[in-house]
């Protein structure tokens, strides 16, 4: 199945897009989406360990399931004052 992932801030810059799509198996989890995303966009490896995942506007753990209808977002770490 194809899952769309919204990217923000540094993730958007590293991938060169605000939204990308990755292919994963039915019954996939965020961990599967993360692996597929890193396979397609290796530059994201710099921030993924420090980023948060959201599904349908709520932060989730990497073992959360996704579907093609799920809104997935990779929230880059933020800093500043």
C-alpha atoms as a PDB file:
ATOM      1  CA  UNK A   1       0.000   0.000   0.000  1.00  0.00           C
ATOM      2  CA  UNK A   2       1.074   3.582  -0.522  1.00  0.00           C
ATOM      3  CA  UNK A   3       1.242   5.889   2.503  1.00  0.00           C
ATOM      4  CA  UNK A   4       1.637   9.649   2.212  1.00  0.00           C
ATOM      5  CA  UNK A   5       3.957  11.324   4.719  1.00  0.00           C
ATOM      6  CA  UNK A   6       3.898  15.049   5.403  1.00  0.00           C
ATOM      7  CA  UNK A   7       7.292  16.599   6.116  1.00  0.00           C
ATOM      8  CA  UNK A   8       8.006  19.805   7.985  1.00  0.00           C
ATOM      9  CA  UNK A   9      10.988  22.107   8.561  1.00  0.00           C
ATOM     10  CA  UNK A  10      14.337  20.265   8.324  1.00  0.00           C
ATOM     11  CA  UNK A  11      12.693  17.070   7.045  1.00  0.00           C
ATOM     12  CA  UNK A  12      11.098  19.001   4.195  1.00  0.00           C
ATOM     13  CA  UNK A  13      14.435  20.586   3.330  1.00  0.00           C
ATOM     14  CA  UNK A  14      16.340  17.282   3.396  1.00  0.00           C
ATOM     15  CA  UNK A  15      13.763  15.443   1.261  1.00  0.00           C
ATOM     16  CA  UNK A  16      13.113  18.362  -1.061  1.00  0.00           C
ATOM     17  CA  UNK A  17       9.336  18.055  -0.695  1.00  0.00           C
ATOM     18  CA  UNK A  18       6.598  18.825   1.803  1.00  0.00           C
ATOM     19  CA  UNK A  19       4.883  15.491   1.174  1.00  0.00           C
ATOM     20  CA  UNK A  20       6.184  12.162  -0.093  1.00  0.00           C
ATOM     21  CA  UNK A  21       4.682   8.717  -0.575  1.00  0.00           C
ATOM     22  CA  UNK A  22       6.252   5.407   0.392  1.00  0.00           C
ATOM     23  CA  UNK A  23       5.212   1.834  -0.313  1.00  0.00           C
ATOM     24  CA  UNK A  24       4.715  -0.510   2.642  1.00  0.00           C
ATOM     25  CA  UNK A  25       2.932  -3.816   3.225  1.00  0.00           C
ATOM     26  CA  UNK A  26      -0.666  -4.013   4.438  1.00  0.00           C
ATOM     27  CA  UNK A  27      -0.726  -3.904   8.249  1.00  0.00           C
ATOM     28  CA  UNK A  28       2.370  -1.690   8.324  1.00  0.00           C
ATOM     29  CA  UNK A  29       3.440   0.330  11.341  1.00  0.00           C
ATOM     30  CA  UNK A  30       5.163   3.670  11.655  1.00  0.00           C
ATOM     31  CA  UNK A  31       8.441   1.730  11.988  1.00  0.00           C
ATOM     32  CA  UNK A  32       7.805   0.255   8.521  1.00  0.00           C
ATOM     33  CA  UNK A  33       7.041   3.715   7.134  1.00  0.00           C
ATOM     34  CA  UNK A  34      10.237   5.026   8.715  1.00  0.00           C
ATOM     35  CA  UNK A  35      12.337   2.269   7.095  1.00  0.00           C
ATOM     36  CA  UNK A  36      10.764   2.915   3.687  1.00  0.00           C
ATOM     37  CA  UNK A  37      11.237   6.667   4.058  1.00  0.00           C
ATOM     38  CA  UNK A  38      14.908   6.306   4.996  1.00  0.00           C
ATOM     39  CA  UNK A  39      15.445   3.896   2.123  1.00  0.00           C
ATOM     40  CA  UNK A  40      14.107   6.466  -0.332  1.00  0.00           C
ATOM     41  CA  UNK A  41      15.500   9.581   1.392  1.00  0.00           C
ATOM     42  CA  UNK A  42      18.720   8.584   3.225  1.00  0.00           C
ATOM     43  CA  UNK A  43      19.474  12.213   4.134  1.00  0.00           C
ATOM     44  CA  UNK A  44      16.589  12.061   6.632  1.00  0.00           C
ATOM     45  CA  UNK A  45      18.687   9.733   8.809  1.00  0.00           C
ATOM     46  CA  UNK A  46      20.188  12.898  10.328  1.00  0.00           C
ATOM     47  CA  UNK A  47      16.920  13.917  11.967  1.00  0.00           C
ATOM     48  CA  UNK A  48      14.659  10.851  12.224  1.00  0.00           C
ATOM     49  CA  UNK A  49      16.158   9.688  15.554  1.00  0.00           C
ATOM     50  CA  UNK A  50      15.219  13.076  17.050  1.00  0.00           C
ATOM     51  CA  UNK A  51      11.872  13.582  15.283  1.00  0.00           C
ATOM     52  CA  UNK A  52       8.348  12.646  16.352  1.00  0.00           C
ATOM     53  CA  UNK A  53       5.703  10.819  14.344  1.00  0.00           C
ATOM     54  CA  UNK A  54       2.070  11.857  14.213  1.00  0.00           C
ATOM     55  CA  UNK A  55      -0.894   9.913  12.878  1.00  0.00           C
ATOM     56  CA  UNK A  56      -4.140  11.762  12.278  1.00  0.00           C
ATOM     57  CA  UNK A  57      -2.819  14.804  14.202  1.00  0.00           C
ATOM     58  CA  UNK A  58      -1.753  12.873  17.341  1.00  0.00           C
ATOM     59  CA  UNK A  59       1.761  11.867  18.352  1.00  0.00           C
ATOM     60  CA  UNK A  60       2.264   8.104  18.202  1.00  0.00           C
ATOM     61  CA  UNK A  61       4.820   5.395  18.911  1.00  0.00           C
ATOM     62  CA  UNK A  62       6.594   3.558  16.104  1.00  0.00           C
ATOM     63  CA  UNK A  63       4.458   0.454  16.664  1.00  0.00           C
ATOM     64  CA  UNK A  64       1.254   2.305  15.652  1.00  0.00           C
ATOM     65  CA  UNK A  65      -0.504   0.911  12.577  1.00  0.00           C
ATOM     66  CA  UNK A  66      -1.105   2.923   9.423  1.00  0.00           C
ATOM     67  CA  UNK A  67      -3.414   2.617   6.419  1.00  0.00           C
ATOM     68  CA  UNK A  68      -3.545   4.376   3.065  1.00  0.00           C
ATOM     69  CA  UNK A  69      -6.120   6.749   4.561  1.00  0.00           C
ATOM     70  CA  UNK A  70      -3.969   7.607   7.582  1.00  0.00           C
ATOM     71  CA  UNK A  71      -2.500  11.094   7.706  1.00  0.00           C
ATOM     72  CA  UNK A  72       1.145  10.529   8.680  1.00  0.00           C
ATOM     73  CA  UNK A  73       3.508  13.363   9.565  1.00  0.00           C
ATOM     74  CA  UNK A  74       7.170  13.451  10.484  1.00  0.00           C
ATOM     75  CA  UNK A  75       7.655  16.326  12.909  1.00  0.00           C
ATOM     76  CA  UNK A  76      11.229  17.578  12.866  1.00  0.00           C
ATOM     77  CA  UNK A  77      12.899  18.546  16.135  1.00  0.00           C
ATOM     78  CA  UNK A  78      12.616  22.228  16.891  1.00  0.00           C
ATOM     79  CA  UNK A  79      14.890  24.559  18.776  1.00  0.00           C
ATOM     80  CA  UNK A  80      15.184  28.201  19.490  1.00  0.00           C
ATOM     81  CA  UNK A  81      14.295  30.665  22.107  1.00  0.00           C
END
